[in-house]
Protein backbone atom coordinates (compact mmCIF):
# COMPACT_ATOMS: atom_id res chain seq x y z
CA MET A 1 79.64 28.19 -47.49
CA HIS A 2 79.66 28.71 -43.76
CA ALA A 3 77.24 29.79 -41.08
CA ARG A 4 77.44 32.23 -38.21
CA ILE A 5 75.53 31.95 -34.92
CA ASP A 6 75.19 34.93 -32.62
CA PRO A 7 74.78 33.43 -29.11
CA ASP A 8 74.33 36.85 -27.53
CA VAL A 9 71.13 37.78 -29.39
CA SER A 10 68.98 35.93 -26.86
CA ALA A 11 70.47 38.11 -24.13
CA LEU A 12 68.87 41.19 -25.68
CA ARG A 13 65.36 39.85 -25.27
CA ALA A 14 64.49 36.62 -23.52
CA ASP A 15 61.73 35.84 -26.03
CA LEU A 16 64.02 36.05 -29.05
CA PRO A 17 65.76 32.87 -30.25
CA GLY A 18 69.33 32.73 -31.53
CA VAL A 19 69.88 33.80 -35.13
CA LEU A 20 71.33 31.54 -37.82
CA VAL A 21 72.72 33.13 -40.97
CA ARG A 22 74.13 31.25 -43.96
CA TYR A 23 75.72 32.79 -46.99
CA PRO A 24 78.23 31.81 -49.67
CA VAL A 25 81.82 32.87 -49.13
CA GLU A 26 83.38 35.00 -51.82
CA THR A 27 86.90 33.77 -52.53
CA ARG A 28 89.40 36.61 -52.30
CA HIS A 29 92.63 35.37 -53.77
CA GLU A 30 94.48 38.66 -53.45
CA ALA A 31 93.59 39.09 -49.77
CA TRP A 32 94.42 35.50 -48.89
CA VAL A 33 97.97 35.36 -50.23
CA LEU A 34 100.32 33.90 -47.64
CA PRO A 35 103.18 36.25 -46.75
CA GLU A 36 106.67 35.08 -47.58
CA GLY A 37 108.91 34.30 -44.63
CA THR A 38 107.98 33.77 -40.99
CA VAL A 39 105.31 36.00 -39.48
CA PRO A 40 106.57 37.43 -36.15
CA GLU A 41 104.86 36.13 -33.02
CA SER A 42 104.92 37.46 -29.49
CA ILE A 43 106.39 35.24 -26.78
CA PRO A 44 103.00 34.76 -24.99
CA HIS A 45 101.36 33.82 -28.32
CA ASP A 46 104.13 31.35 -29.14
CA THR A 47 104.03 29.87 -25.63
CA VAL A 48 100.31 29.10 -25.86
CA ALA A 49 100.59 27.59 -29.35
CA GLN A 50 103.73 25.58 -28.62
CA ARG A 51 102.31 24.00 -25.46
CA LEU A 52 99.13 23.12 -27.35
CA LYS A 53 101.22 21.38 -30.01
CA LEU A 54 103.19 19.42 -27.41
CA VAL A 55 99.99 18.32 -25.65
CA LEU A 56 98.47 17.13 -28.92
CA GLU A 57 101.65 15.27 -29.84
CA VAL A 58 101.31 13.15 -26.69
CA TRP A 59 97.66 12.48 -27.60
CA SER A 60 98.53 11.57 -31.21
CA SER A 61 101.28 9.16 -30.09
CA ARG A 62 98.64 7.06 -28.33
CA LEU A 63 96.33 6.73 -31.32
CA ASP A 64 96.03 3.53 -33.31
CA ARG A 65 95.99 5.47 -36.58
CA PRO A 66 98.51 7.71 -38.40
CA CYS A 67 98.43 11.29 -37.14
CA LYS A 68 100.71 14.33 -37.28
CA VAL A 69 100.52 17.58 -35.33
CA ALA A 70 101.89 20.60 -37.22
CA ARG A 71 102.75 24.15 -36.24
CA ASN A 72 102.41 27.07 -38.70
CA LEU A 73 102.00 24.72 -41.65
CA ALA A 74 100.97 26.48 -44.88
CA ILE A 75 97.69 25.06 -46.21
CA ARG A 76 96.93 25.74 -49.87
CA TRP A 77 93.87 24.68 -51.83
CA LEU A 78 94.18 26.19 -55.33
CA GLU A 79 96.77 24.72 -57.67
CA ASP A 80 96.52 27.75 -59.96
CA PHE A 81 97.04 30.08 -56.98
CA PRO A 82 99.71 28.28 -54.91
CA SER A 83 100.40 31.36 -52.77
CA VAL A 84 96.79 31.55 -51.55
CA GLY A 85 96.10 29.81 -48.26
CA ILE A 86 96.31 29.95 -44.52
CA ASP A 87 98.79 28.75 -41.90
CA PRO A 88 97.09 27.68 -38.65
CA ASP A 89 98.98 28.08 -35.41
CA VAL A 90 98.41 24.37 -34.77
CA CYS A 91 96.65 21.72 -36.82
CA VAL A 92 96.15 17.95 -36.79
CA LEU A 93 96.72 15.93 -39.96
CA GLU A 94 94.98 12.57 -39.99
CA PRO A 95 95.91 10.88 -42.11
CA PRO A 96 99.13 12.78 -42.82
CA PRO A 97 100.57 12.86 -46.34
CA PRO A 98 103.10 10.11 -47.14
CA GLU A 99 105.96 12.63 -47.24
CA VAL A 100 104.92 14.34 -43.99
CA SER A 101 108.46 14.32 -42.55
CA GLU A 102 109.57 16.57 -45.44
CA LEU A 103 106.30 18.47 -45.87
CA SER A 104 106.63 22.22 -46.46
CA SER A 105 102.96 22.91 -47.25
CA LEU A 106 99.69 21.01 -47.42
CA CYS A 107 98.40 21.13 -51.01
CA LEU A 108 94.77 20.07 -50.97
CA TRP A 109 94.56 19.58 -54.74
CA LYS A 110 96.81 16.53 -54.32
CA SER A 111 94.92 13.28 -53.85
CA ASP A 112 96.96 12.22 -50.82
CA HIS A 113 96.77 15.60 -49.05
CA ALA A 114 93.65 15.63 -46.83
CA PRO A 115 92.31 18.68 -44.93
CA PRO A 116 93.28 18.88 -41.25
CA SER A 117 90.75 17.32 -38.92
CA ILE A 118 91.05 20.23 -36.47
CA CYS A 119 92.83 23.60 -36.58
CA PHE A 120 93.70 26.00 -33.76
CA GLU A 121 94.16 29.74 -34.06
CA ILE A 122 95.50 31.91 -31.23
CA VAL A 123 94.24 35.46 -31.60
CA SER A 124 97.12 37.93 -31.85
CA ARG A 125 97.17 41.33 -30.20
CA ASN A 126 98.85 42.71 -33.32
CA HIS A 127 96.17 41.71 -35.84
CA PRO A 128 92.99 40.49 -34.09
CA HIS A 129 90.69 41.62 -36.92
CA LYS A 130 91.92 38.80 -39.16
CA ASP A 131 91.22 36.21 -36.48
CA TYR A 132 87.65 37.46 -36.04
CA ALA A 133 86.61 38.43 -39.57
CA GLU A 134 88.46 36.25 -42.09
CA LEU A 135 89.48 32.96 -40.52
CA GLN A 136 86.15 31.16 -40.73
CA ASP A 137 85.80 32.01 -44.43
CA ARG A 138 89.13 30.46 -45.30
CA TYR A 139 88.66 27.43 -43.10
CA ALA A 140 85.26 26.88 -44.66
CA LEU A 141 87.12 26.44 -47.96
CA VAL A 142 89.90 24.35 -46.40
CA GLY A 143 87.46 21.68 -45.28
CA THR A 144 88.58 21.22 -41.68
CA ARG A 145 86.07 19.45 -39.44
CA GLU A 146 86.63 21.78 -36.48
CA LEU A 147 88.19 25.21 -36.00
CA VAL A 148 89.15 26.45 -32.54
CA VAL A 149 89.76 30.19 -32.10
CA PHE A 150 91.31 31.00 -28.72
CA ASP A 151 91.67 34.61 -27.57
CA PRO A 152 93.63 34.49 -24.27
CA PHE A 153 94.46 38.20 -24.46
CA LEU A 154 90.82 39.19 -25.18
CA ALA A 155 92.10 41.26 -28.08
CA GLY A 156 89.09 40.73 -30.33
CA PRO A 157 87.45 43.99 -31.43
CA ARG A 158 83.93 44.71 -30.18
CA ALA A 159 82.94 45.79 -33.68
CA LEU A 160 83.32 42.15 -34.75
CA GLY A 161 81.55 40.64 -31.74
CA GLY A 162 84.61 40.30 -29.53
CA PRO A 163 86.28 39.72 -27.35
CA LEU A 164 85.43 36.03 -26.99
CA LEU A 165 87.74 33.79 -25.03
CA LEU A 166 86.90 30.67 -27.03
CA GLN A 167 85.09 29.94 -30.27
CA LEU A 168 84.45 26.50 -31.74
CA TRP A 169 83.39 26.11 -35.35
CA ARG A 170 82.22 22.70 -36.58
CA ARG A 171 81.34 21.41 -40.03
CA ASP A 172 77.87 19.91 -40.20
CA ARG A 173 76.70 17.07 -42.42
CA SER A 174 75.82 19.45 -45.23
CA GLY A 175 79.38 20.81 -45.28
CA VAL A 176 78.58 24.15 -43.65
CA LEU A 177 81.10 25.45 -41.11
CA GLU A 178 78.99 26.58 -38.18
CA ARG A 179 79.96 28.34 -34.97
CA VAL A 180 78.63 26.09 -32.21
CA HIS A 181 80.25 27.77 -29.21
CA ALA A 182 81.35 31.28 -28.24
CA GLY A 183 82.28 32.37 -24.73
CA SER A 184 84.40 31.43 -21.75
CA ALA A 185 82.77 28.12 -20.82
CA PRO A 186 84.31 24.71 -21.61
CA VAL A 187 83.16 22.90 -24.74
CA THR A 188 83.71 19.44 -26.17
CA SER A 189 85.69 18.76 -29.33
CA GLU A 190 84.27 15.90 -31.36
CA VAL A 191 87.56 15.43 -33.20
CA LEU A 192 89.61 15.08 -30.01
CA GLY A 193 86.90 13.42 -27.96
CA ALA A 194 87.83 15.75 -25.10
CA TRP A 195 86.95 19.02 -23.39
CA LEU A 196 88.49 22.36 -24.30
CA LEU A 197 88.97 24.45 -21.14
CA PRO A 198 90.00 28.07 -21.79
CA THR A 199 91.84 30.08 -19.16
CA SER A 200 93.41 33.53 -19.22
CA THR A 201 96.82 32.03 -19.96
CA THR A 202 96.38 28.78 -21.84
CA LEU A 203 93.93 26.43 -23.52
CA GLU A 204 93.71 23.23 -21.52
CA ILE A 205 92.44 19.93 -22.92
CA ALA A 206 90.98 17.37 -20.53
CA ASP A 207 88.97 14.16 -20.43
CA ASP A 208 86.46 15.78 -18.10
CA ARG A 209 84.73 19.14 -17.87
CA GLU A 210 86.23 19.88 -14.44
CA GLY A 211 89.78 19.48 -15.76
CA SER A 212 90.84 16.89 -13.19
CA LYS A 213 92.20 14.70 -16.01
CA ARG A 214 94.17 17.28 -17.99
CA TRP A 215 96.22 16.36 -21.01
CA LEU A 216 99.91 17.05 -20.41
CA THR A 217 103.09 17.47 -22.43
CA CYS A 218 105.91 14.92 -22.25
CA ASP A 219 107.86 17.16 -19.87
CA GLU A 220 104.80 17.72 -17.68
CA LEU A 221 104.13 13.97 -17.58
CA ALA A 222 107.75 13.35 -16.59
CA SER A 223 107.53 16.03 -13.88
CA GLU A 224 104.27 14.54 -12.62
CA LYS A 225 105.80 11.05 -12.48
CA HIS A 226 108.84 12.45 -10.67
CA ALA A 227 106.61 14.26 -8.18
CA GLU A 228 104.58 11.09 -7.64
CA ALA A 229 107.78 9.10 -7.09
CA GLU A 230 108.94 11.73 -4.60
CA ARG A 231 105.62 11.52 -2.77
CA GLU A 232 105.88 7.74 -2.63
CA ARG A 233 109.48 7.97 -1.38
CA ALA A 234 108.48 10.50 1.30
CA GLU A 235 105.57 8.29 2.36
CA LYS A 236 107.82 5.24 2.62
CA GLU A 237 110.35 7.29 4.61
CA ARG A 238 107.60 8.43 6.95
CA GLU A 239 106.39 4.85 7.42
CA ARG A 240 109.99 3.69 8.05
CA ALA A 241 110.51 6.47 10.61
CA GLU A 242 107.27 5.56 12.39
CA LYS A 243 108.23 1.88 12.53
CA GLU A 244 111.70 2.80 13.83
CA HIS A 245 110.11 5.00 16.49
CA GLU A 246 107.73 2.21 17.48
CA ARG A 247 110.63 -0.27 17.63
CA ALA A 248 112.70 2.10 19.79
CA ALA A 249 109.74 2.65 22.13
CA ARG A 250 109.15 -1.10 22.39
CA LEU A 251 112.82 -1.77 23.18
CA GLU A 252 112.80 0.96 25.81
CA LEU A 253 109.67 -0.54 27.37
CA GLU A 254 111.20 -4.00 27.37
CA ARG A 255 114.37 -2.61 29.00
CA ARG A 256 112.41 -0.92 31.76
CA ILE A 257 110.35 -4.04 32.36
CA ALA A 258 113.55 -6.09 32.58
CA GLU A 259 114.98 -3.63 35.13
CA ILE A 260 111.86 -3.84 37.25
CA GLU A 261 111.82 -7.64 37.09
CA ALA A 262 115.50 -7.71 38.06
CA LYS A 263 114.85 -5.48 41.10
CA VAL A 264 111.87 -7.61 42.17
CA GLY A 265 113.93 -10.78 41.78
CA ALA A 266 116.77 -9.32 43.88
CA ARG A 267 114.40 -8.50 46.70
């Protein structure tokens, strides 16, 4: 079961509260069969998802618990229907299955295969209806704690409430997957303990709402360290040049004083 919240209802009339709707999800095995082979992705879509994965890998490497970040991993929950499932663009497995290095799909009927703690979906221009109308139903069955739906291309159809730059769905204590955020503003992820900051090109993650402490990839961290080293080198070079200039000026002053003293002594 999952819940939907329409945050825009209050905008119609100021005296109307938001609306909460809960209903059981009808499992549709035929419609949820995973396609065989790799589903084509556009370069912008892949760029957003791949950077998100790399950022989360840096975060996971600093944790004191086992964690694995996966990209396009098939998640299946029915042993009798092994082709039924979903493959999130990015997901976090904590704890990961023992055989995670050789994992081809996450099979939730296995005792050591736990649902992802958080899943990310990047809305595709080619099939945005799926990302707005079906995702939450399947993830409600998967059991993920949080689902992030990011629509950088604003491709979501208006008929389904779109386009929305960022949606965050969170499972409450009763097990209901509830949409707790929809719009362009930043929002906090309880799983990551960080802020999600949507832009028109990428989904940033940061320790603060302003984004001054952004999470970076390994390459970005290396570039930042290199830039910082270059700044320090330039600053040291500037300080050295200033000291050399001061030394040269002092020597010139001493020379001129010596000349004057010599002339006075000669007289």
